Amino acid sequence: MSDLIYKIARKAEWAEAEKAGVFTGSADDKRDGFIHFSAAAQVRGTCAIHFAGERDLLLVAVDTQRLGPALKWEVSRKGDSFPHLYGPLALSDVRSIVSIERGADGSAMFPPEIP
């Protein structure tokens, strides 16, 4: 598996994390008790299902090697294993953050590492 996992975050949520110095998750994450992440190959599906048509989104890449035992890969959508973080995300564990832009047809556009 890659050493990177991805969080799709709303810009407002991420701004709060930057103020606090730590990301504790979206409302959905807090409800579920963990921070939802996706592997690179899962990002497009996650965006289409959970963020359809939304703008002001960020793609946050996180180094799995820094997360330790709080990161668990668990079976979720369609039997695929998804990364879940049981605890807060230290901003120092973030490798990169890019805006998710929308094309003229409304489709999300991602960097090349997202298949």
PDB file of N, CA and C in Angstrom:
ATOM      1  N   MET A   1       0.831  -1.193   0.000  1.00  0.00           N
ATOM      2  CA  MET A   1       0.000   0.000   0.000  1.00  0.00           C
ATOM      3  C   MET A   1       0.870   1.250   0.000  1.00  0.00           C
ATOM      4  N   SER A   2       0.312   2.303  -0.542  1.00  0.00           N
ATOM      5  CA  SER A   2       0.999   3.584  -0.568  1.00  0.00           C
ATOM      6  C   SER A   2       1.175   4.121   0.848  1.00  0.00           C
ATOM      7  N   ASP A   3       2.140   4.994   1.005  1.00  0.00           N
ATOM      8  CA  ASP A   3       2.340   5.635   2.297  1.00  0.00           C
ATOM      9  C   ASP A   3       1.451   6.856   2.473  1.00  0.00           C
ATOM     10  N   LEU A   4       0.615   7.150   1.477  1.00  0.00           N
ATOM     11  CA  LEU A   4      -0.281   8.298   1.572  1.00  0.00           C
ATOM     12  C   LEU A   4      -1.733   7.851   1.573  1.00  0.00           C
ATOM     13  N   ILE A   5      -2.526   8.500   2.420  1.00  0.00           N
ATOM     14  CA  ILE A   5      -3.969   8.378   2.387  1.00  0.00           C
ATOM     15  C   ILE A   5      -4.523   9.791   2.260  1.00  0.00           C
ATOM     16  N   TYR A   6      -5.796   9.884   1.936  1.00  0.00           N
ATOM     17  CA  TYR A   6      -6.368  11.187   1.585  1.00  0.00           C
ATOM     18  C   TYR A   6      -7.657  11.454   2.343  1.00  0.00           C
ATOM     19  N   LYS A   7      -7.796  12.703   2.761  1.00  0.00           N
ATOM     20  CA  LYS A   7      -9.007  13.191   3.396  1.00  0.00           C
ATOM     21  C   LYS A   7      -9.578  14.287   2.514  1.00  0.00           C
ATOM     22  N   ILE A   8     -10.840  14.178   2.157  1.00  0.00           N
ATOM     23  CA  ILE A   8     -11.527  15.282   1.501  1.00  0.00           C
ATOM     24  C   ILE A   8     -12.137  16.109   2.619  1.00  0.00           C
ATOM     25  N   ALA A   9     -11.743  17.366   2.675  1.00  0.00           N
ATOM     26  CA  ALA A   9     -12.209  18.251   3.750  1.00  0.00           C
ATOM     27  C   ALA A   9     -12.805  19.517   3.163  1.00  0.00           C
ATOM     28  N   ARG A  10     -13.817  19.999   3.819  1.00  0.00           N
ATOM     29  CA  ARG A  10     -14.375  21.294   3.449  1.00  0.00           C
ATOM     30  C   ARG A  10     -13.424  22.387   3.929  1.00  0.00           C
ATOM     31  N   LYS A  11     -13.274  23.429   3.128  1.00  0.00           N
ATOM     32  CA  LYS A  11     -12.322  24.490   3.477  1.00  0.00           C
ATOM     33  C   LYS A  11     -12.615  25.096   4.842  1.00  0.00           C
ATOM     34  N   ALA A  12     -13.861  25.273   5.187  1.00  0.00           N
ATOM     35  CA  ALA A  12     -14.217  25.850   6.491  1.00  0.00           C
ATOM     36  C   ALA A  12     -13.780  24.932   7.636  1.00  0.00           C
ATOM     37  N   GLU A  13     -13.945  23.618   7.455  1.00  0.00           N
ATOM     38  CA  GLU A  13     -13.518  22.660   8.481  1.00  0.00           C
ATOM     39  C   GLU A  13     -11.999  22.710   8.649  1.00  0.00           C
ATOM     40  N   TRP A  14     -11.308  22.807   7.531  1.00  0.00           N
ATOM     41  CA  TRP A  14      -9.854  22.816   7.587  1.00  0.00           C
ATOM     42  C   TRP A  14      -9.328  24.114   8.212  1.00  0.00           C
ATOM     43  N   ALA A  15     -10.014  25.216   7.947  1.00  0.00           N
ATOM     44  CA  ALA A  15      -9.627  26.490   8.564  1.00  0.00           C
ATOM     45  C   ALA A  15      -9.724  26.393  10.084  1.00  0.00           C
ATOM     46  N   GLU A  16     -10.734  25.715  10.573  1.00  0.00           N
ATOM     47  CA  GLU A  16     -10.871  25.502  12.025  1.00  0.00           C
ATOM     48  C   GLU A  16      -9.715  24.657  12.551  1.00  0.00           C
ATOM     49  N   ALA A  17      -9.333  23.650  11.797  1.00  0.00           N
ATOM     50  CA  ALA A  17      -8.207  22.800  12.204  1.00  0.00           C
ATOM     51  C   ALA A  17      -6.921  23.615  12.276  1.00  0.00           C
ATOM     52  N   GLU A  18      -6.719  24.493  11.308  1.00  0.00           N
ATOM     53  CA  GLU A  18      -5.509  25.312  11.307  1.00  0.00           C
ATOM     54  C   GLU A  18      -5.475  26.243  12.520  1.00  0.00           C
ATOM     55  N   LYS A  19      -6.629  26.758  12.918  1.00  0.00           N
ATOM     56  CA  LYS A  19      -6.692  27.601  14.122  1.00  0.00           C
ATOM     57  C   LYS A  19      -6.362  26.790  15.373  1.00  0.00           C
ATOM     58  N   ALA A  20      -6.896  25.562  15.419  1.00  0.00           N
ATOM     59  CA  ALA A  20      -6.717  24.700  16.594  1.00  0.00           C
ATOM     60  C   ALA A  20      -5.379  23.981  16.603  1.00  0.00           C
ATOM     61  N   GLY A  21      -4.755  23.854  15.423  1.00  0.00           N
ATOM     62  CA  GLY A  21      -3.491  23.132  15.328  1.00  0.00           C
ATOM     63  C   GLY A  21      -3.654  21.633  15.187  1.00  0.00           C
ATOM     64  N   VAL A  22      -4.895  21.170  15.082  1.00  0.00           N
ATOM     65  CA  VAL A  22      -5.188  19.744  14.952  1.00  0.00           C
ATOM     66  C   VAL A  22      -6.546  19.587  14.271  1.00  0.00           C
ATOM     67  N   PHE A  23      -6.685  18.529  13.461  1.00  0.00           N
ATOM     68  CA  PHE A  23      -7.957  18.238  12.811  1.00  0.00           C
ATOM     69  C   PHE A  23      -8.636  17.119  13.578  1.00  0.00           C
ATOM     70  N   THR A  24      -9.818  17.403  14.103  1.00  0.00           N
ATOM     71  CA  THR A  24     -10.548  16.390  14.867  1.00  0.00           C
ATOM     72  C   THR A  24     -11.671  15.756  14.064  1.00  0.00           C
ATOM     73  N   GLY A  25     -11.815  16.173  12.807  1.00  0.00           N
ATOM     74  CA  GLY A  25     -12.775  15.540  11.924  1.00  0.00           C
ATOM     75  C   GLY A  25     -13.966  16.409  11.587  1.00  0.00           C
ATOM     76  N   SER A  26     -14.678  15.960  10.568  1.00  0.00           N
ATOM     77  CA  SER A  26     -15.923  16.607  10.142  1.00  0.00           C
ATOM     78  C   SER A  26     -17.044  16.169  11.086  1.00  0.00           C
ATOM     79  N   ALA A  27     -18.215  16.710  10.879  1.00  0.00           N
ATOM     80  CA  ALA A  27     -19.373  16.283  11.673  1.00  0.00           C
ATOM     81  C   ALA A  27     -19.618  14.781  11.486  1.00  0.00           C
ATOM     82  N   ASP A  28     -19.462  14.284  10.249  1.00  0.00           N
ATOM     83  CA  ASP A  28     -19.640  12.848   9.993  1.00  0.00           C
ATOM     84  C   ASP A  28     -18.585  12.020  10.716  1.00  0.00           C
ATOM     85  N   ASP A  29     -17.350  12.495  10.699  1.00  0.00           N
ATOM     86  CA  ASP A  29     -16.271  11.784  11.397  1.00  0.00           C
ATOM     87  C   ASP A  29     -16.579  11.697  12.896  1.00  0.00           C
ATOM     88  N   LYS A  30     -16.980  12.816  13.454  1.00  0.00           N
ATOM     89  CA  LYS A  30     -17.277  12.854  14.901  1.00  0.00           C
ATOM     90  C   LYS A  30     -18.436  11.931  15.239  1.00  0.00           C
ATOM     91  N   ARG A  31     -19.442  11.905  14.373  1.00  0.00           N
ATOM     92  CA  ARG A  31     -20.579  10.996  14.574  1.00  0.00           C
ATOM     93  C   ARG A  31     -20.125   9.536  14.570  1.00  0.00           C
ATOM     94  N   ASP A  32     -19.214   9.198  13.647  1.00  0.00           N
ATOM     95  CA  ASP A  32     -18.790   7.807  13.479  1.00  0.00           C
ATOM     96  C   ASP A  32     -17.675   7.389  14.434  1.00  0.00           C
ATOM     97  N   GLY A  33     -17.015   8.352  15.074  1.00  0.00           N
ATOM     98  CA  GLY A  33     -15.985   8.025  16.059  1.00  0.00           C
ATOM     99  C   GLY A  33     -14.592   7.849  15.486  1.00  0.00           C
ATOM    100  N   PHE A  34     -14.398   8.222  14.237  1.00  0.00           N
ATOM    101  CA  PHE A  34     -13.081   8.147  13.608  1.00  0.00           C
ATOM    102  C   PHE A  34     -13.055   9.092  12.421  1.00  0.00           C
ATOM    103  N   ILE A  35     -11.857   9.431  11.947  1.00  0.00           N
ATOM    104  CA  ILE A  35     -11.711  10.276  10.768  1.00  0.00           C
ATOM    105  C   ILE A  35     -11.630   9.378   9.543  1.00  0.00           C
ATOM    106  N   HIS A  36     -12.549   9.618   8.604  1.00  0.00           N
ATOM    107  CA  HIS A  36     -12.617   8.847   7.364  1.00  0.00           C
ATOM    108  C   HIS A  36     -11.516   9.315   6.401  1.00  0.00           C
ATOM    109  N   PHE A  37     -10.792   8.371   5.857  1.00  0.00           N
ATOM    110  CA  PHE A  37      -9.799   8.626   4.815  1.00  0.00           C
ATOM    111  C   PHE A  37     -10.080   7.700   3.642  1.00  0.00           C
ATOM    112  N   SER A  38      -9.385   7.933   2.550  1.00  0.00           N
ATOM    113  CA  SER A  38      -9.461   7.070   1.372  1.00  0.00           C
ATOM    114  C   SER A  38      -8.056   6.823   0.852  1.00  0.00           C
ATOM    115  N   ALA A  39      -7.853   5.652   0.277  1.00  0.00           N
ATOM    116  CA  ALA A  39      -6.640   5.395  -0.500  1.00  0.00           C
ATOM    117  C   ALA A  39      -6.782   6.153  -1.813  1.00  0.00           C
ATOM    118  N   ALA A  40      -5.688   6.335  -2.529  1.00  0.00           N
ATOM    119  CA  ALA A  40      -5.720   7.099  -3.777  1.00  0.00           C
ATOM    120  C   ALA A  40      -6.799   6.587  -4.733  1.00  0.00           C
ATOM    121  N   ALA A  41      -6.914   5.290  -4.884  1.00  0.00           N
ATOM    122  CA  ALA A  41      -7.875   4.708  -5.819  1.00  0.00           C
ATOM    123  C   ALA A  41      -9.321   4.857  -5.351  1.00  0.00           C
ATOM    124  N   GLN A  42      -9.535   5.268  -4.109  1.00  0.00           N
ATOM    125  CA  GLN A  42     -10.886   5.412  -3.564  1.00  0.00           C
ATOM    126  C   GLN A  42     -11.369   6.859  -3.532  1.00  0.00           C
ATOM    127  N   VAL A  43     -10.476   7.813  -3.773  1.00  0.00           N
ATOM    128  CA  VAL A  43     -10.809   9.231  -3.622  1.00  0.00           C
ATOM    129  C   VAL A  43     -11.953   9.661  -4.531  1.00  0.00           C
ATOM    130  N   ARG A  44     -11.896   9.295  -5.799  1.00  0.00           N
ATOM    131  CA  ARG A  44     -12.943   9.729  -6.739  1.00  0.00           C
ATOM    132  C   ARG A  44     -14.318   9.226  -6.299  1.00  0.00           C
ATOM    133  N   GLY A  45     -14.405   7.984  -5.898  1.00  0.00           N
ATOM    134  CA  GLY A  45     -15.684   7.429  -5.438  1.00  0.00           C
ATOM    135  C   GLY A  45     -16.180   8.120  -4.189  1.00  0.00           C
ATOM    136  N   THR A  46     -15.281   8.362  -3.260  1.00  0.00           N
ATOM    137  CA  THR A  46     -15.658   9.064  -2.026  1.00  0.00           C
ATOM    138  C   THR A  46     -16.188  10.457  -2.346  1.00  0.00           C
ATOM    139  N   CYS A  47     -15.516  11.154  -3.223  1.00  0.00           N
ATOM    140  CA  CYS A  47     -15.944  12.495  -3.591  1.00  0.00           C
ATOM    141  C   CYS A  47     -17.321  12.457  -4.256  1.00  0.00           C
ATOM    142  N   ALA A  48     -17.523  11.529  -5.171  1.00  0.00           N
ATOM    143  CA  ALA A  48     -18.795  11.438  -5.891  1.00  0.00           C
ATOM    144  C   ALA A  48     -19.958  11.088  -4.964  1.00  0.00           C
ATOM    145  N   ILE A  49     -19.718  10.218  -4.010  1.00  0.00           N
ATOM    146  CA  ILE A  49     -20.789   9.763  -3.121  1.00  0.00           C
ATOM    147  C   ILE A  49     -21.071  10.767  -2.000  1.00  0.00           C
ATOM    148  N   HIS A  50     -20.027  11.257  -1.356  1.00  0.00           N
ATOM    149  CA  HIS A  50     -20.209  12.051  -0.136  1.00  0.00           C
ATOM    150  C   HIS A  50     -20.083  13.560  -0.330  1.00  0.00           C
ATOM    151  N   PHE A  51     -19.574  13.993  -1.476  1.00  0.00           N
ATOM    152  CA  PHE A  51     -19.357  15.430  -1.699  1.00  0.00           C
ATOM    153  C   PHE A  51     -19.883  15.872  -3.066  1.00  0.00           C
ATOM    154  N   ALA A  52     -20.868  15.173  -3.594  1.00  0.00           N
ATOM    155  CA  ALA A  52     -21.400  15.446  -4.933  1.00  0.00           C
ATOM    156  C   ALA A  52     -21.805  16.912  -5.069  1.00  0.00           C
ATOM    157  N   GLY A  53     -21.224  17.568  -6.059  1.00  0.00           N
ATOM    158  CA  GLY A  53     -21.572  18.946  -6.369  1.00  0.00           C
ATOM    159  C   GLY A  53     -21.020  19.995  -5.420  1.00  0.00           C
ATOM    160  N   GLU A  54     -20.399  19.583  -4.333  1.00  0.00           N
ATOM    161  CA  GLU A  54     -19.866  20.560  -3.371  1.00  0.00           C
ATOM    162  C   GLU A  54     -18.633  21.248  -3.938  1.00  0.00           C
ATOM    163  N   ARG A  55     -18.493  22.479  -3.553  1.00  0.00           N
ATOM    164  CA  ARG A  55     -17.310  23.255  -3.907  1.00  0.00           C
ATOM    165  C   ARG A  55     -16.591  23.595  -2.607  1.00  0.00           C
ATOM    166  N   ASP A  56     -15.486  24.285  -2.703  1.00  0.00           N
ATOM    167  CA  ASP A  56     -14.695  24.650  -1.516  1.00  0.00           C
ATOM    168  C   ASP A  56     -14.208  23.418  -0.758  1.00  0.00           C
ATOM    169  N   LEU A  57     -13.686  22.457  -1.532  1.00  0.00           N
ATOM    170  CA  LEU A  57     -13.143  21.230  -0.958  1.00  0.00           C
ATOM    171  C   LEU A  57     -11.629  21.201  -1.101  1.00  0.00           C
ATOM    172  N   LEU A  58     -11.003  20.512  -0.172  1.00  0.00           N
ATOM    173  CA  LEU A  58      -9.559  20.310  -0.195  1.00  0.00           C
ATOM    174  C   LEU A  58      -9.255  18.825  -0.210  1.00  0.00           C
ATOM    175  N   LEU A  59      -8.165  18.464  -0.849  1.00  0.00           N
ATOM    176  CA  LEU A  59      -7.656  17.098  -0.795  1.00  0.00           C
ATOM    177  C   LEU A  59      -6.400  17.130   0.063  1.00  0.00           C
ATOM    178  N   VAL A  60      -6.484  16.487   1.210  1.00  0.00           N
ATOM    179  CA  VAL A  60      -5.407  16.500   2.194  1.00  0.00           C
ATOM    180  C   VAL A  60      -4.704  15.147   2.139  1.00  0.00           C
ATOM    181  N   ALA A  61      -3.418  15.151   1.811  1.00  0.00           N
ATOM    182  CA  ALA A  61      -2.623  13.924   1.755  1.00  0.00           C
ATOM    183  C   ALA A  61      -1.885  13.768   3.080  1.00  0.00           C
ATOM    184  N   VAL A  62      -1.965  12.569   3.641  1.00  0.00           N
ATOM    185  CA  VAL A  62      -1.398  12.304   4.960  1.00  0.00           C
ATOM    186  C   VAL A  62      -0.459  11.110   4.885  1.00  0.00           C
ATOM    187  N   ASP A  63       0.657  11.222   5.545  1.00  0.00           N
ATOM    188  CA  ASP A  63       1.669  10.172   5.601  1.00  0.00           C
ATOM    189  C   ASP A  63       1.249   9.104   6.615  1.00  0.00           C
ATOM    190  N   THR A  64       0.937   7.902   6.141  1.00  0.00           N
ATOM    191  CA  THR A  64       0.464   6.835   7.035  1.00  0.00           C
ATOM    192  C   THR A  64       1.519   6.411   8.048  1.00  0.00           C
ATOM    193  N   GLN A  65       2.777   6.542   7.684  1.00  0.00           N
ATOM    194  CA  GLN A  65       3.855   6.101   8.569  1.00  0.00           C
ATOM    195  C   GLN A  65       3.890   6.887   9.876  1.00  0.00           C
ATOM    196  N   ARG A  66       3.272   8.063   9.877  1.00  0.00           N
ATOM    197  CA  ARG A  66       3.290   8.913  11.070  1.00  0.00           C
ATOM    198  C   ARG A  66       2.083   8.705  11.973  1.00  0.00           C
ATOM    199  N   LEU A  67       1.114   7.904  11.537  1.00  0.00           N
ATOM    200  CA  LEU A  67      -0.145   7.797  12.279  1.00  0.00           C
ATOM    201  C   LEU A  67      -0.160   6.704  13.335  1.00  0.00           C
ATOM    202  N   GLY A  68       0.723   5.743  13.216  1.00  0.00           N
ATOM    203  CA  GLY A  68       0.829   4.700  14.232  1.00  0.00           C
ATOM    204  C   GLY A  68      -0.413   3.824  14.336  1.00  0.00           C
ATOM    205  N   PRO A  69      -0.615   3.213  15.508  1.00  0.00           N
ATOM    206  CA  PRO A  69      -1.701   2.239  15.676  1.00  0.00           C
ATOM    207  C   PRO A  69      -3.104   2.849  15.671  1.00  0.00           C
ATOM    208  N   ALA A  70      -3.219   4.169  15.695  1.00  0.00           N
ATOM    209  CA  ALA A  70      -4.542   4.804  15.631  1.00  0.00           C
ATOM    210  C   ALA A  70      -5.161   4.655  14.238  1.00  0.00           C
ATOM    211  N   LEU A  71      -4.341   4.310  13.228  1.00  0.00           N
ATOM    212  CA  LEU A  71      -4.842   4.101  11.871  1.00  0.00           C
ATOM    213  C   LEU A  71      -5.221   2.630  11.698  1.00  0.00           C
ATOM    214  N   LYS A  72      -6.472   2.419  11.320  1.00  0.00           N
ATOM    215  CA  LYS A  72      -6.980   1.063  11.086  1.00  0.00           C
ATOM    216  C   LYS A  72      -7.571   1.000   9.682  1.00  0.00           C
ATOM    217  N   TRP A  73      -7.304  -0.093   8.982  1.00  0.00           N
ATOM    218  CA  TRP A  73      -7.928  -0.334   7.681  1.00  0.00           C
ATOM    219  C   TRP A  73      -9.117  -1.249   7.947  1.00  0.00           C
ATOM    220  N   GLU A  74     -10.326  -0.759   7.624  1.00  0.00           N
ATOM    221  CA  GLU A  74     -11.543  -1.498   7.949  1.00  0.00           C
ATOM    222  C   GLU A  74     -12.448  -1.605   6.727  1.00  0.00           C
ATOM    223  N   VAL A  75     -13.153  -2.724   6.649  1.00  0.00           N
ATOM    224  CA  VAL A  75     -14.048  -2.971   5.522  1.00  0.00           C
ATOM    225  C   VAL A  75     -15.224  -2.012   5.600  1.00  0.00           C
ATOM    226  N   SER A  76     -15.519  -1.405   4.469  1.00  0.00           N
ATOM    227  CA  SER A  76     -16.601  -0.436   4.384  1.00  0.00           C
ATOM    228  C   SER A  76     -17.309  -0.609   3.050  1.00  0.00           C
ATOM    229  N   ARG A  77     -17.453   0.452   2.279  1.00  0.00           N
ATOM    230  CA  ARG A  77     -18.204   0.470   1.027  1.00  0.00           C
ATOM    231  C   ARG A  77     -17.748  -0.625   0.061  1.00  0.00           C
ATOM    232  N   LYS A  78     -18.701  -1.393  -0.424  1.00  0.00           N
ATOM    233  CA  LYS A  78     -18.480  -2.448  -1.417  1.00  0.00           C
ATOM    234  C   LYS A  78     -17.419  -3.465  -0.989  1.00  0.00           C
ATOM    235  N   GLY A  79     -17.244  -3.641   0.306  1.00  0.00           N
ATOM    236  CA  GLY A  79     -16.290  -4.611   0.808  1.00  0.00           C
ATOM    237  C   GLY A  79     -14.844  -4.172   0.764  1.00  0.00           C
ATOM    238  N   ASP A  80     -14.591  -2.932   0.330  1.00  0.00           N
ATOM    239  CA  ASP A  80     -13.227  -2.403   0.286  1.00  0.00           C
ATOM    240  C   ASP A  80     -12.761  -1.999   1.681  1.00  0.00           C
ATOM    241  N   SER A  81     -11.479  -2.117   1.924  1.00  0.00           N
ATOM    242  CA  SER A  81     -10.896  -1.637   3.177  1.00  0.00           C
ATOM    243  C   SER A  81     -10.548  -0.166   3.030  1.00  0.00           C
ATOM    244  N   PHE A  82     -11.019   0.635   3.977  1.00  0.00           N
ATOM    245  CA  PHE A  82     -10.750   2.065   4.010  1.00  0.00           C
ATOM    246  C   PHE A  82      -9.949   2.399   5.257  1.00  0.00           C
ATOM    247  N   PRO A  83      -9.082   3.406   5.158  1.00  0.00           N
ATOM    248  CA  PRO A  83      -8.321   3.839   6.328  1.00  0.00           C
ATOM    249  C   PRO A  83      -9.169   4.735   7.233  1.00  0.00           C
ATOM    250  N   HIS A  84      -9.171   4.404   8.514  1.00  0.00           N
ATOM    251  CA  HIS A  84      -9.887   5.174   9.528  1.00  0.00           C
ATOM    252  C   HIS A  84      -8.910   5.543  10.633  1.00  0.00           C
ATOM    253  N   LEU A  85      -8.902   6.790  11.022  1.00  0.00           N
ATOM    254  CA  LEU A  85      -8.012   7.257  12.086  1.00  0.00           C
ATOM    255  C   LEU A  85      -8.808   7.453  13.361  1.00  0.00           C
ATOM    256  N   TYR A  86      -8.462   6.698  14.378  1.00  0.00           N
ATOM    257  CA  TYR A  86      -9.122   6.769  15.675  1.00  0.00           C
ATOM    258  C   TYR A  86      -8.352   7.712  16.585  1.00  0.00           C
ATOM    259  N   GLY A  87      -8.544   8.983  16.342  1.00  0.00           N
ATOM    260  CA  GLY A  87      -7.876  10.030  17.110  1.00  0.00           C
ATOM    261  C   GLY A  87      -7.717  11.247  16.229  1.00  0.00           C
ATOM    262  N   PRO A  88      -7.213  12.317  16.800  1.00  0.00           N
ATOM    263  CA  PRO A  88      -7.035  13.542  16.016  1.00  0.00           C
ATOM    264  C   PRO A  88      -5.873  13.423  15.039  1.00  0.00           C
ATOM    265  N   LEU A  89      -5.935  14.239  14.006  1.00  0.00           N
ATOM    266  CA  LEU A  89      -4.869  14.303  13.008  1.00  0.00           C
ATOM    267  C   LEU A  89      -3.988  15.506  13.306  1.00  0.00           C
ATOM    268  N   ALA A  90      -2.734  15.248  13.626  1.00  0.00           N
ATOM    269  CA  ALA A  90      -1.775  16.340  13.818  1.00  0.00           C
ATOM    270  C   ALA A  90      -1.469  16.954  12.461  1.00  0.00           C
ATOM    271  N   LEU A  91      -1.493  18.260  12.379  1.00  0.00           N
ATOM    272  CA  LEU A  91      -1.234  18.917  11.099  1.00  0.00           C
ATOM    273  C   LEU A  91       0.182  18.636  10.598  1.00  0.00           C
ATOM    274  N   SER A  92       1.078  18.284  11.494  1.00  0.00           N
ATOM    275  CA  SER A  92       2.450  17.943  11.094  1.00  0.00           C
ATOM    276  C   SER A  92       2.512  16.632  10.304  1.00  0.00           C
ATOM    277  N   ASP A  93       1.440  15.837  10.343  1.00  0.00           N
ATOM    278  CA  ASP A  93       1.394  14.578   9.593  1.00  0.00           C
ATOM    279  C   ASP A  93       0.888  14.762   8.168  1.00  0.00           C
ATOM    280  N   VAL A  94       0.499  15.984   7.833  1.00  0.00           N
ATOM    281  CA  VAL A  94      -0.029  16.285   6.507  1.00  0.00           C
ATOM    282  C   VAL A  94       1.124  16.513   5.548  1.00  0.00           C
ATOM    283  N   ARG A  95       1.093  15.818   4.429  1.00  0.00           N
ATOM    284  CA  ARG A  95       2.137  15.948   3.410  1.00  0.00           C
ATOM    285  C   ARG A  95       1.822  17.072   2.428  1.00  0.00           C
ATOM    286  N   SER A  96       0.542  17.194   2.026  1.00  0.00           N
ATOM    287  CA  SER A  96       0.163  18.253   1.090  1.00  0.00           C
ATOM    288  C   SER A  96      -1.339  18.520   1.179  1.00  0.00           C
ATOM    289  N   ILE A  97      -1.709  19.710   0.709  1.00  0.00           N
ATOM    290  CA  ILE A  97      -3.118  20.105   0.638  1.00  0.00           C
ATOM    291  C   ILE A  97      -3.312  20.814  -0.702  1.00  0.00           C
ATOM    292  N   VAL A  98      -4.293  20.356  -1.482  1.00  0.00           N
ATOM    293  CA  VAL A  98      -4.619  21.009  -2.745  1.00  0.00           C
ATOM    294  C   VAL A  98      -6.131  21.210  -2.817  1.00  0.00           C
ATOM    295  N   SER A  99      -6.536  22.267  -3.503  1.00  0.00           N
ATOM    296  CA  SER A  99      -7.961  22.512  -3.731  1.00  0.00           C
ATOM    297  C   SER A  99      -8.485  21.510  -4.753  1.00  0.00           C
ATOM    298  N   ILE A 100      -9.699  21.066  -4.537  1.00  0.00           N
ATOM    299  CA  ILE A 100     -10.383  20.232  -5.520  1.00  0.00           C
ATOM    300  C   ILE A 100     -11.231  21.174  -6.358  1.00  0.00           C
ATOM    301  N   GLU A 101     -10.814  21.367  -7.578  1.00  0.00           N
ATOM    302  CA  GLU A 101     -11.543  22.242  -8.491  1.00  0.00           C
ATOM    303  C   GLU A 101     -12.608  21.427  -9.221  1.00  0.00           C
ATOM    304  N   ARG A 102     -13.572  22.119  -9.793  1.00  0.00           N
ATOM    305  CA  ARG A 102     -14.630  21.474 -10.567  1.00  0.00           C
ATOM    306  C   ARG A 102     -14.506  21.906 -12.018  1.00  0.00           C
ATOM    307  N   GLY A 103     -14.649  20.951 -12.925  1.00  0.00           N
ATOM    308  CA  GLY A 103     -14.626  21.257 -14.354  1.00  0.00           C
ATOM    309  C   GLY A 103     -15.925  21.922 -14.783  1.00  0.00           C
ATOM    310  N   ALA A 104     -15.989  22.323 -16.030  1.00  0.00           N
ATOM    311  CA  ALA A 104     -17.183  22.978 -16.567  1.00  0.00           C
ATOM    312  C   ALA A 104     -18.422  22.096 -16.417  1.00  0.00           C
ATOM    313  N   ASP A 105     -18.216  20.774 -16.455  1.00  0.00           N
ATOM    314  CA  ASP A 105     -19.336  19.840 -16.315  1.00  0.00           C
ATOM    315  C   ASP A 105     -19.634  19.509 -14.852  1.00  0.00           C
ATOM    316  N   GLY A 106     -18.904  20.126 -13.927  1.00  0.00           N
ATOM    317  CA  GLY A 106     -19.127  19.902 -12.504  1.00  0.00           C
ATOM    318  C   GLY A 106     -18.322  18.763 -11.915  1.00  0.00           C
ATOM    319  N   SER A 107     -17.564  18.047 -12.754  1.00  0.00           N
ATOM    320  CA  SER A 107     -16.784  16.915 -12.241  1.00  0.00           C
ATOM    321  C   SER A 107     -15.559  17.413 -11.470  1.00  0.00           C
ATOM    322  N   ALA A 108     -15.215  16.678 -10.438  1.00  0.00           N
ATOM    323  CA  ALA A 108     -14.053  17.020  -9.620  1.00  0.00           C
ATOM    324  C   ALA A 108     -12.777  16.729 -10.386  1.00  0.00           C
ATOM    325  N   MET A 109     -11.810  17.624 -10.243  1.00  0.00           N
ATOM    326  CA  MET A 109     -10.512  17.448 -10.898  1.00  0.00           C
ATOM    327  C   MET A 109      -9.468  17.222  -9.800  1.00  0.00           C
ATOM    328  N   PHE A 110      -8.663  16.175  -9.979  1.00  0.00           N
ATOM    329  CA  PHE A 110      -7.691  15.767  -8.976  1.00  0.00           C
ATOM    330  C   PHE A 110      -6.279  15.794  -9.525  1.00  0.00           C
ATOM    331  N   PRO A 111      -5.300  15.832  -8.625  1.00  0.00           N
ATOM    332  CA  PRO A 111      -3.900  15.770  -9.080  1.00  0.00           C
ATOM    333  C   PRO A 111      -3.603  14.396  -9.688  1.00  0.00           C
ATOM    334  N   PRO A 112      -2.484  14.289 -10.412  1.00  0.00           N
ATOM    335  CA  PRO A 112      -2.168  13.043 -11.152  1.00  0.00           C
ATOM    336  C   PRO A 112      -2.037  11.793 -10.289  1.00  0.00           C
ATOM    337  N   GLU A 113      -1.725  11.922  -9.011  1.00  0.00           N
ATOM    338  CA  GLU A 113      -1.567  10.720  -8.181  1.00  0.00           C
ATOM    339  C   GLU A 113      -2.901  10.055  -7.839  1.00  0.00           C
ATOM    340  N   ILE A 114      -4.002  10.715  -8.190  1.00  0.00           N
ATOM    341  CA  ILE A 114      -5.327  10.135  -7.964  1.00  0.00           C
ATOM    342  C   ILE A 114      -5.804   9.518  -9.271  1.00  0.00           C
ATOM    343  N   PRO A 115      -5.869   8.171  -9.316  1.00  0.00           N
ATOM    344  CA  PRO A 115      -6.253   7.507 -10.578  1.00  0.00           C
ATOM    345  C   PRO A 115      -7.718   7.720 -10.948  1.00  0.00           C
TER     346      PRO A 115
END
